Amino acid sequence: MTTVEESQTIARLVQTKDHVLLSRISWDTYEALLDECEDRRLRHTFDRGSFEAMTRSAEHEVWKSLLGLFVVTLAEELSRPLFLGGELTLQRADLERGLEADQCYWIAHESQVRGKTTIDLSKDPPPDLFVEIEVSRTVLDRIALAAALGIGEVWRFDGRELRVGVLQPGGQYLWGTDSPTFPGIRISDLANFLQLARTTDHLGVLRAFRASVRSQVSQTP
């Protein structure tokens, strides 16, 4: 079976399932599969021959979108530069690893990707911040892939708790509640504003969050 035929077969399988895990997938097949699935709104991960794809729940999309708006609000209120990577597929052929971000951002390295419409991680810096929503179980370790790609900071939300992972020299994340990207902001409080979305319209949540950020910024020496 050719690579194209194989990818088309897998794409038909993925289209009929909520969650698919495949092994012994070549890099060429992985890239062809991404082309086949481009319009199917699948969350995908590739790790050295293993390919995982899953559909996105409404819960996942709400948390992802709100947390993304919080990052934009923080960058605006703290006057930080920002490049929006959105759900960009982050991949390195030399590492045989790739994953679709829930949301990703260039902040400290924004000037190095400013104006670009194509990001090549073999030449360009990885995102400074990566948002991971974990309300559906995955088999492949997406956090380990983020570390392998050199992403310096991960925000991980499981529907209840928000944790910040900071990449260490040994290639592992140290987990806590402080963000080096936004120092002085109580990142753990963001989970409370996410939960507020259960009873408040999303613009109301965003207004409340912005007011909280401004209060914290005004108290910073």
C-alpha atoms as a PDB file:
ATOM      1  CA  MET A   1       0.000   0.000   0.000  1.00  0.00           C
ATOM      2  CA  THR A   2       1.380   3.439  -0.909  1.00  0.00           C
ATOM      3  CA  THR A   3       1.713   6.254   1.597  1.00  0.00           C
ATOM      4  CA  VAL A   4      -1.233   8.126   0.071  1.00  0.00           C
ATOM      5  CA  GLU A   5      -3.447   5.026   0.083  1.00  0.00           C
ATOM      6  CA  GLU A   6      -2.448   4.266   3.645  1.00  0.00           C
ATOM      7  CA  SER A   7      -3.217   7.804   4.816  1.00  0.00           C
ATOM      8  CA  GLN A   8      -6.611   7.745   3.077  1.00  0.00           C
ATOM      9  CA  THR A   9      -7.446   4.448   4.769  1.00  0.00           C
ATOM     10  CA  ILE A  10      -6.457   5.838   8.173  1.00  0.00           C
ATOM     11  CA  ALA A  11      -8.361   9.061   7.533  1.00  0.00           C
ATOM     12  CA  ARG A  12     -11.561   7.078   6.878  1.00  0.00           C
ATOM     13  CA  LEU A  13     -10.979   5.159  10.103  1.00  0.00           C
ATOM     14  CA  VAL A  14     -10.348   8.308  12.110  1.00  0.00           C
ATOM     15  CA  GLN A  15     -13.467   9.920  10.705  1.00  0.00           C
ATOM     16  CA  THR A  16     -15.650   7.186  12.213  1.00  0.00           C
ATOM     17  CA  LYS A  17     -14.062   7.104  15.693  1.00  0.00           C
ATOM     18  CA  ASP A  18     -13.831   9.421  18.698  1.00  0.00           C
ATOM     19  CA  HIS A  19     -10.320   8.211  19.490  1.00  0.00           C
ATOM     20  CA  VAL A  20      -7.807   6.290  17.357  1.00  0.00           C
ATOM     21  CA  LEU A  21      -4.287   5.131  18.163  1.00  0.00           C
ATOM     22  CA  LEU A  22      -2.101   3.711  15.374  1.00  0.00           C
ATOM     23  CA  SER A  23       1.434   2.380  15.420  1.00  0.00           C
ATOM     24  CA  ARG A  24       4.253   1.917  12.894  1.00  0.00           C
ATOM     25  CA  ILE A  25       3.335   5.102  11.034  1.00  0.00           C
ATOM     26  CA  SER A  26       6.100   6.676   8.966  1.00  0.00           C
ATOM     27  CA  TRP A  27       6.797  10.403   9.031  1.00  0.00           C
ATOM     28  CA  ASP A  28       5.656  10.697   5.409  1.00  0.00           C
ATOM     29  CA  THR A  29       2.388   8.963   6.266  1.00  0.00           C
ATOM     30  CA  TYR A  30       1.967  11.228   9.283  1.00  0.00           C
ATOM     31  CA  GLU A  31       2.300  14.334   7.118  1.00  0.00           C
ATOM     32  CA  ALA A  32      -0.043  12.909   4.477  1.00  0.00           C
ATOM     33  CA  LEU A  33      -2.526  12.048   7.213  1.00  0.00           C
ATOM     34  CA  LEU A  34      -2.456  15.634   8.503  1.00  0.00           C
ATOM     35  CA  ASP A  35      -3.374  16.784   4.989  1.00  0.00           C
ATOM     36  CA  GLU A  36      -6.220  14.264   4.810  1.00  0.00           C
ATOM     37  CA  CYS A  37      -7.580  15.249   8.234  1.00  0.00           C
ATOM     38  CA  GLU A  38      -7.067  18.997   7.858  1.00  0.00           C
ATOM     39  CA  ASP A  39     -10.776  19.848   7.840  1.00  0.00           C
ATOM     40  CA  ARG A  40     -11.909  17.216  10.332  1.00  0.00           C
ATOM     41  CA  ARG A  41     -11.099  19.148  13.538  1.00  0.00           C
ATOM     42  CA  LEU A  42      -9.107  16.335  15.121  1.00  0.00           C
ATOM     43  CA  ARG A  43      -6.604  16.756  17.941  1.00  0.00           C
ATOM     44  CA  HIS A  44      -3.551  14.799  16.867  1.00  0.00           C
ATOM     45  CA  THR A  45      -0.224  13.678  18.316  1.00  0.00           C
ATOM     46  CA  PHE A  46       2.707  11.841  16.728  1.00  0.00           C
ATOM     47  CA  ASP A  47       5.577  10.257  18.641  1.00  0.00           C
ATOM     48  CA  ARG A  48       8.206   8.249  16.758  1.00  0.00           C
ATOM     49  CA  GLY A  49       5.851   6.083  14.741  1.00  0.00           C
ATOM     50  CA  SER A  50       2.740   6.247  16.949  1.00  0.00           C
ATOM     51  CA  PHE A  51      -0.168   8.408  15.830  1.00  0.00           C
ATOM     52  CA  GLU A  52      -3.117   9.378  18.028  1.00  0.00           C
ATOM     53  CA  ALA A  53      -6.171  11.348  16.957  1.00  0.00           C
ATOM     54  CA  MET A  54      -9.291  12.243  18.866  1.00  0.00           C
ATOM     55  CA  THR A  55     -12.322  14.441  18.445  1.00  0.00           C
ATOM     56  CA  ARG A  56     -12.713  17.536  20.633  1.00  0.00           C
ATOM     57  CA  SER A  57     -15.474  17.820  23.191  1.00  0.00           C
ATOM     58  CA  ALA A  58     -17.455  21.001  23.826  1.00  0.00           C
ATOM     59  CA  GLU A  59     -15.913  21.129  27.310  1.00  0.00           C
ATOM     60  CA  HIS A  60     -12.409  21.006  25.826  1.00  0.00           C
ATOM     61  CA  GLU A  61     -13.182  23.834  23.410  1.00  0.00           C
ATOM     62  CA  VAL A  62     -14.658  26.102  26.091  1.00  0.00           C
ATOM     63  CA  TRP A  63     -11.676  25.741  28.441  1.00  0.00           C
ATOM     64  CA  LYS A  64      -9.181  26.124  25.592  1.00  0.00           C
ATOM     65  CA  SER A  65     -10.834  29.256  24.241  1.00  0.00           C
ATOM     66  CA  LEU A  66     -11.225  30.951  27.620  1.00  0.00           C
ATOM     67  CA  LEU A  67      -7.697  30.157  28.751  1.00  0.00           C
ATOM     68  CA  GLY A  68      -6.442  31.530  25.449  1.00  0.00           C
ATOM     69  CA  LEU A  69      -8.330  34.768  26.046  1.00  0.00           C
ATOM     70  CA  PHE A  70      -6.805  34.958  29.526  1.00  0.00           C
ATOM     71  CA  VAL A  71      -3.308  34.752  28.042  1.00  0.00           C
ATOM     72  CA  VAL A  72      -4.105  37.553  25.604  1.00  0.00           C
ATOM     73  CA  THR A  73      -5.513  39.655  28.457  1.00  0.00           C
ATOM     74  CA  LEU A  74      -2.403  39.079  30.570  1.00  0.00           C
ATOM     75  CA  ALA A  75      -0.109  40.034  27.705  1.00  0.00           C
ATOM     76  CA  GLU A  76      -2.121  43.178  27.059  1.00  0.00           C
ATOM     77  CA  GLU A  77      -2.307  44.299  30.690  1.00  0.00           C
ATOM     78  CA  LEU A  78       1.390  43.575  31.297  1.00  0.00           C
ATOM     79  CA  SER A  79       2.462  45.139  27.978  1.00  0.00           C
ATOM     80  CA  ARG A  80       4.103  41.958  26.709  1.00  0.00           C
ATOM     81  CA  PRO A  81       4.627  41.271  22.982  1.00  0.00           C
ATOM     82  CA  LEU A  82       2.540  38.394  21.667  1.00  0.00           C
ATOM     83  CA  PHE A  83       2.483  36.125  18.630  1.00  0.00           C
ATOM     84  CA  LEU A  84      -0.628  33.941  18.482  1.00  0.00           C
ATOM     85  CA  GLY A  85       0.192  30.391  17.413  1.00  0.00           C
ATOM     86  CA  GLY A  86      -3.324  29.111  18.052  1.00  0.00           C
ATOM     87  CA  GLU A  87      -3.739  25.408  17.290  1.00  0.00           C
ATOM     88  CA  LEU A  88      -0.570  25.246  15.230  1.00  0.00           C
ATOM     89  CA  THR A  89       0.855  21.805  14.508  1.00  0.00           C
ATOM     90  CA  LEU A  90       4.278  21.819  16.166  1.00  0.00           C
ATOM     91  CA  GLN A  91       6.617  19.260  14.634  1.00  0.00           C
ATOM     92  CA  ARG A  92      10.233  18.293  14.141  1.00  0.00           C
ATOM     93  CA  ALA A  93      11.007  15.724  11.455  1.00  0.00           C
ATOM     94  CA  ASP A  94      14.476  15.106  12.906  1.00  0.00           C
ATOM     95  CA  LEU A  95      12.878  14.145  16.240  1.00  0.00           C
ATOM     96  CA  GLU A  96       9.935  12.305  14.618  1.00  0.00           C
ATOM     97  CA  ARG A  97       7.602  14.126  16.946  1.00  0.00           C
ATOM     98  CA  GLY A  98       4.644  16.393  16.374  1.00  0.00           C
ATOM     99  CA  LEU A  99       1.485  17.549  18.096  1.00  0.00           C
ATOM    100  CA  GLU A 100      -1.312  20.003  17.625  1.00  0.00           C
ATOM    101  CA  ALA A 101      -1.370  22.682  20.297  1.00  0.00           C
ATOM    102  CA  ASP A 102      -4.557  23.538  22.136  1.00  0.00           C
ATOM    103  CA  GLN A 103      -3.140  27.065  22.146  1.00  0.00           C
ATOM    104  CA  CYS A 104       0.451  28.286  21.873  1.00  0.00           C
ATOM    105  CA  TYR A 105       2.198  31.645  22.040  1.00  0.00           C
ATOM    106  CA  TRP A 106       5.530  33.284  21.372  1.00  0.00           C
ATOM    107  CA  ILE A 107       6.199  36.006  23.936  1.00  0.00           C
ATOM    108  CA  ALA A 108       9.880  36.273  24.910  1.00  0.00           C
ATOM    109  CA  HIS A 109      10.796  35.182  21.376  1.00  0.00           C
ATOM    110  CA  GLU A 110       7.983  37.036  19.619  1.00  0.00           C
ATOM    111  CA  SER A 111      10.362  39.195  17.591  1.00  0.00           C
ATOM    112  CA  GLN A 112      11.921  36.077  16.028  1.00  0.00           C
ATOM    113  CA  VAL A 113       8.630  34.900  14.507  1.00  0.00           C
ATOM    114  CA  ARG A 114       6.913  38.240  13.955  1.00  0.00           C
ATOM    115  CA  GLY A 115       5.218  38.432  10.571  1.00  0.00           C
ATOM    116  CA  LYS A 116       5.837  34.783   9.714  1.00  0.00           C
ATOM    117  CA  THR A 117       3.058  32.705   8.197  1.00  0.00           C
ATOM    118  CA  THR A 118       5.018  29.444   8.419  1.00  0.00           C
ATOM    119  CA  ILE A 119       6.859  28.234  11.508  1.00  0.00           C
ATOM    120  CA  ASP A 120       9.734  25.765  11.082  1.00  0.00           C
ATOM    121  CA  LEU A 121      10.893  24.509  14.471  1.00  0.00           C
ATOM    122  CA  SER A 122      14.168  23.296  12.989  1.00  0.00           C
ATOM    123  CA  LYS A 123      15.001  26.987  12.473  1.00  0.00           C
ATOM    124  CA  ASP A 124      12.535  29.006  14.535  1.00  0.00           C
ATOM    125  CA  PRO A 125      12.287  28.993  18.341  1.00  0.00           C
ATOM    126  CA  PRO A 126       9.546  26.837  19.884  1.00  0.00           C
ATOM    127  CA  PRO A 127       6.570  28.560  21.535  1.00  0.00           C
ATOM    128  CA  ASP A 128       7.268  30.176  24.884  1.00  0.00           C
ATOM    129  CA  LEU A 129       3.897  29.076  26.272  1.00  0.00           C
ATOM    130  CA  PHE A 130       1.816  25.987  25.478  1.00  0.00           C
ATOM    131  CA  VAL A 131      -1.738  25.420  26.754  1.00  0.00           C
ATOM    132  CA  GLU A 132      -2.796  21.814  27.342  1.00  0.00           C
ATOM    133  CA  ILE A 133      -6.419  20.932  28.193  1.00  0.00           C
ATOM    134  CA  GLU A 134      -6.668  17.461  29.706  1.00  0.00           C
ATOM    135  CA  VAL A 135     -10.367  16.654  29.988  1.00  0.00           C
ATOM    136  CA  SER A 136     -10.041  13.615  27.694  1.00  0.00           C
ATOM    137  CA  ARG A 137      -7.497  10.887  28.328  1.00  0.00           C
ATOM    138  CA  THR A 138      -4.720  10.438  25.780  1.00  0.00           C
ATOM    139  CA  VAL A 139      -2.364   7.483  25.397  1.00  0.00           C
ATOM    140  CA  LEU A 140       0.640   9.355  24.038  1.00  0.00           C
ATOM    141  CA  ASP A 141       2.421  11.656  26.483  1.00  0.00           C
ATOM    142  CA  ARG A 142       1.836  15.098  24.989  1.00  0.00           C
ATOM    143  CA  ILE A 143       3.699  16.841  27.818  1.00  0.00           C
ATOM    144  CA  ALA A 144       6.827  14.781  27.097  1.00  0.00           C
ATOM    145  CA  LEU A 145       6.545  15.796  23.448  1.00  0.00           C
ATOM    146  CA  ALA A 146       6.285  19.464  24.430  1.00  0.00           C
ATOM    147  CA  ALA A 147       9.481  19.042  26.456  1.00  0.00           C
ATOM    148  CA  ALA A 148      11.232  17.280  23.566  1.00  0.00           C
ATOM    149  CA  LEU A 149      10.318  20.213  21.316  1.00  0.00           C
ATOM    150  CA  GLY A 150      11.875  22.623  23.837  1.00  0.00           C
ATOM    151  CA  ILE A 151       8.700  24.464  24.870  1.00  0.00           C
ATOM    152  CA  GLY A 152       9.699  26.434  27.948  1.00  0.00           C
ATOM    153  CA  GLU A 153       6.367  26.713  29.758  1.00  0.00           C
ATOM    154  CA  VAL A 154       3.184  24.614  29.797  1.00  0.00           C
ATOM    155  CA  TRP A 155      -0.171  25.475  31.378  1.00  0.00           C
ATOM    156  CA  ARG A 156      -2.029  22.243  32.122  1.00  0.00           C
ATOM    157  CA  PHE A 157      -5.757  22.328  32.994  1.00  0.00           C
ATOM    158  CA  ASP A 158      -7.710  19.180  33.874  1.00  0.00           C
ATOM    159  CA  GLY A 159     -11.127  20.770  34.364  1.00  0.00           C
ATOM    160  CA  ARG A 160     -10.431  21.612  38.014  1.00  0.00           C
ATOM    161  CA  GLU A 161      -6.809  22.597  38.604  1.00  0.00           C
ATOM    162  CA  LEU A 162      -4.402  24.703  36.561  1.00  0.00           C
ATOM    163  CA  ARG A 163      -0.702  23.904  36.931  1.00  0.00           C
ATOM    164  CA  VAL A 164       2.324  25.610  35.420  1.00  0.00           C
ATOM    165  CA  GLY A 165       5.221  23.516  34.155  1.00  0.00           C
ATOM    166  CA  VAL A 166       8.610  25.179  33.641  1.00  0.00           C
ATOM    167  CA  LEU A 167      11.125  23.257  31.536  1.00  0.00           C
ATOM    168  CA  GLN A 168      14.279  22.330  33.424  1.00  0.00           C
ATOM    169  CA  PRO A 169      17.798  21.740  32.004  1.00  0.00           C
ATOM    170  CA  GLY A 170      17.283  17.971  32.281  1.00  0.00           C
ATOM    171  CA  GLY A 171      14.307  18.087  29.917  1.00  0.00           C
ATOM    172  CA  GLN A 172      11.550  17.665  32.536  1.00  0.00           C
ATOM    173  CA  TYR A 173       8.917  20.133  33.710  1.00  0.00           C
ATOM    174  CA  LEU A 174       8.899  21.448  37.270  1.00  0.00           C
ATOM    175  CA  TRP A 175       5.242  21.920  38.252  1.00  0.00           C
ATOM    176  CA  GLY A 176       3.896  24.732  40.373  1.00  0.00           C
ATOM    177  CA  THR A 177       1.663  27.815  40.203  1.00  0.00           C
ATOM    178  CA  ASP A 178       4.140  30.554  39.262  1.00  0.00           C
ATOM    179  CA  SER A 179       4.675  31.611  35.664  1.00  0.00           C
ATOM    180  CA  PRO A 180       8.029  33.085  34.596  1.00  0.00           C
ATOM    181  CA  THR A 181       6.203  34.515  31.600  1.00  0.00           C
ATOM    182  CA  PHE A 182       3.804  36.516  33.779  1.00  0.00           C
ATOM    183  CA  PRO A 183       5.573  37.051  37.132  1.00  0.00           C
ATOM    184  CA  GLY A 184       3.506  38.416  39.978  1.00  0.00           C
ATOM    185  CA  ILE A 185       0.225  36.971  38.661  1.00  0.00           C
ATOM    186  CA  ARG A 186      -1.500  34.225  40.648  1.00  0.00           C
ATOM    187  CA  ILE A 187      -1.875  31.745  37.798  1.00  0.00           C
ATOM    188  CA  SER A 188      -3.706  29.237  39.998  1.00  0.00           C
ATOM    189  CA  ASP A 189      -6.529  31.806  40.288  1.00  0.00           C
ATOM    190  CA  LEU A 190      -7.243  31.385  36.580  1.00  0.00           C
ATOM    191  CA  ALA A 191      -8.930  28.071  37.388  1.00  0.00           C
ATOM    192  CA  ASN A 192     -11.506  29.940  39.483  1.00  0.00           C
ATOM    193  CA  PHE A 193     -12.364  32.181  36.542  1.00  0.00           C
ATOM    194  CA  LEU A 194     -12.662  29.148  34.278  1.00  0.00           C
ATOM    195  CA  GLN A 195     -15.145  27.618  36.721  1.00  0.00           C
ATOM    196  CA  LEU A 196     -17.048  30.908  36.753  1.00  0.00           C
ATOM    197  CA  ALA A 197     -17.953  30.160  33.144  1.00  0.00           C
ATOM    198  CA  ARG A 198     -20.370  27.504  34.413  1.00  0.00           C
ATOM    199  CA  THR A 199     -22.698  30.242  35.708  1.00  0.00           C
ATOM    200  CA  THR A 200     -21.618  33.426  33.878  1.00  0.00           C
ATOM    201  CA  ASP A 201     -21.480  34.421  30.222  1.00  0.00           C
ATOM    202  CA  HIS A 202     -17.994  34.296  28.774  1.00  0.00           C
ATOM    203  CA  LEU A 203     -17.619  38.030  28.270  1.00  0.00           C
ATOM    204  CA  GLY A 204     -18.595  38.512  31.893  1.00  0.00           C
ATOM    205  CA  VAL A 205     -15.889  36.032  32.881  1.00  0.00           C
ATOM    206  CA  LEU A 206     -13.349  37.907  30.784  1.00  0.00           C
ATOM    207  CA  ARG A 207     -14.310  41.261  32.312  1.00  0.00           C
ATOM    208  CA  ALA A 208     -13.972  39.832  35.827  1.00  0.00           C
ATOM    209  CA  PHE A 209     -10.593  38.340  34.965  1.00  0.00           C
ATOM    210  CA  ARG A 210      -9.304  41.609  33.511  1.00  0.00           C
ATOM    211  CA  ALA A 211     -10.366  43.476  36.642  1.00  0.00           C
ATOM    212  CA  SER A 212      -8.498  40.940  38.793  1.00  0.00           C
ATOM    213  CA  VAL A 213      -5.345  41.284  36.711  1.00  0.00           C
ATOM    214  CA  ARG A 214      -5.455  45.065  36.904  1.00  0.00           C
ATOM    215  CA  SER A 215      -5.845  44.853  40.676  1.00  0.00           C
ATOM    216  CA  GLN A 216      -2.826  42.558  40.964  1.00  0.00           C
ATOM    217  CA  VAL A 217      -0.736  44.747  38.654  1.00  0.00           C
ATOM    218  CA  SER A 218      -1.589  47.876  40.639  1.00  0.00           C
ATOM    219  CA  GLN A 219      -0.372  46.204  43.831  1.00  0.00           C
ATOM    220  CA  THR A 220       2.949  45.133  42.316  1.00  0.00           C
ATOM    221  CA  PRO A 221       5.817  47.333  43.548  1.00  0.00           C
END
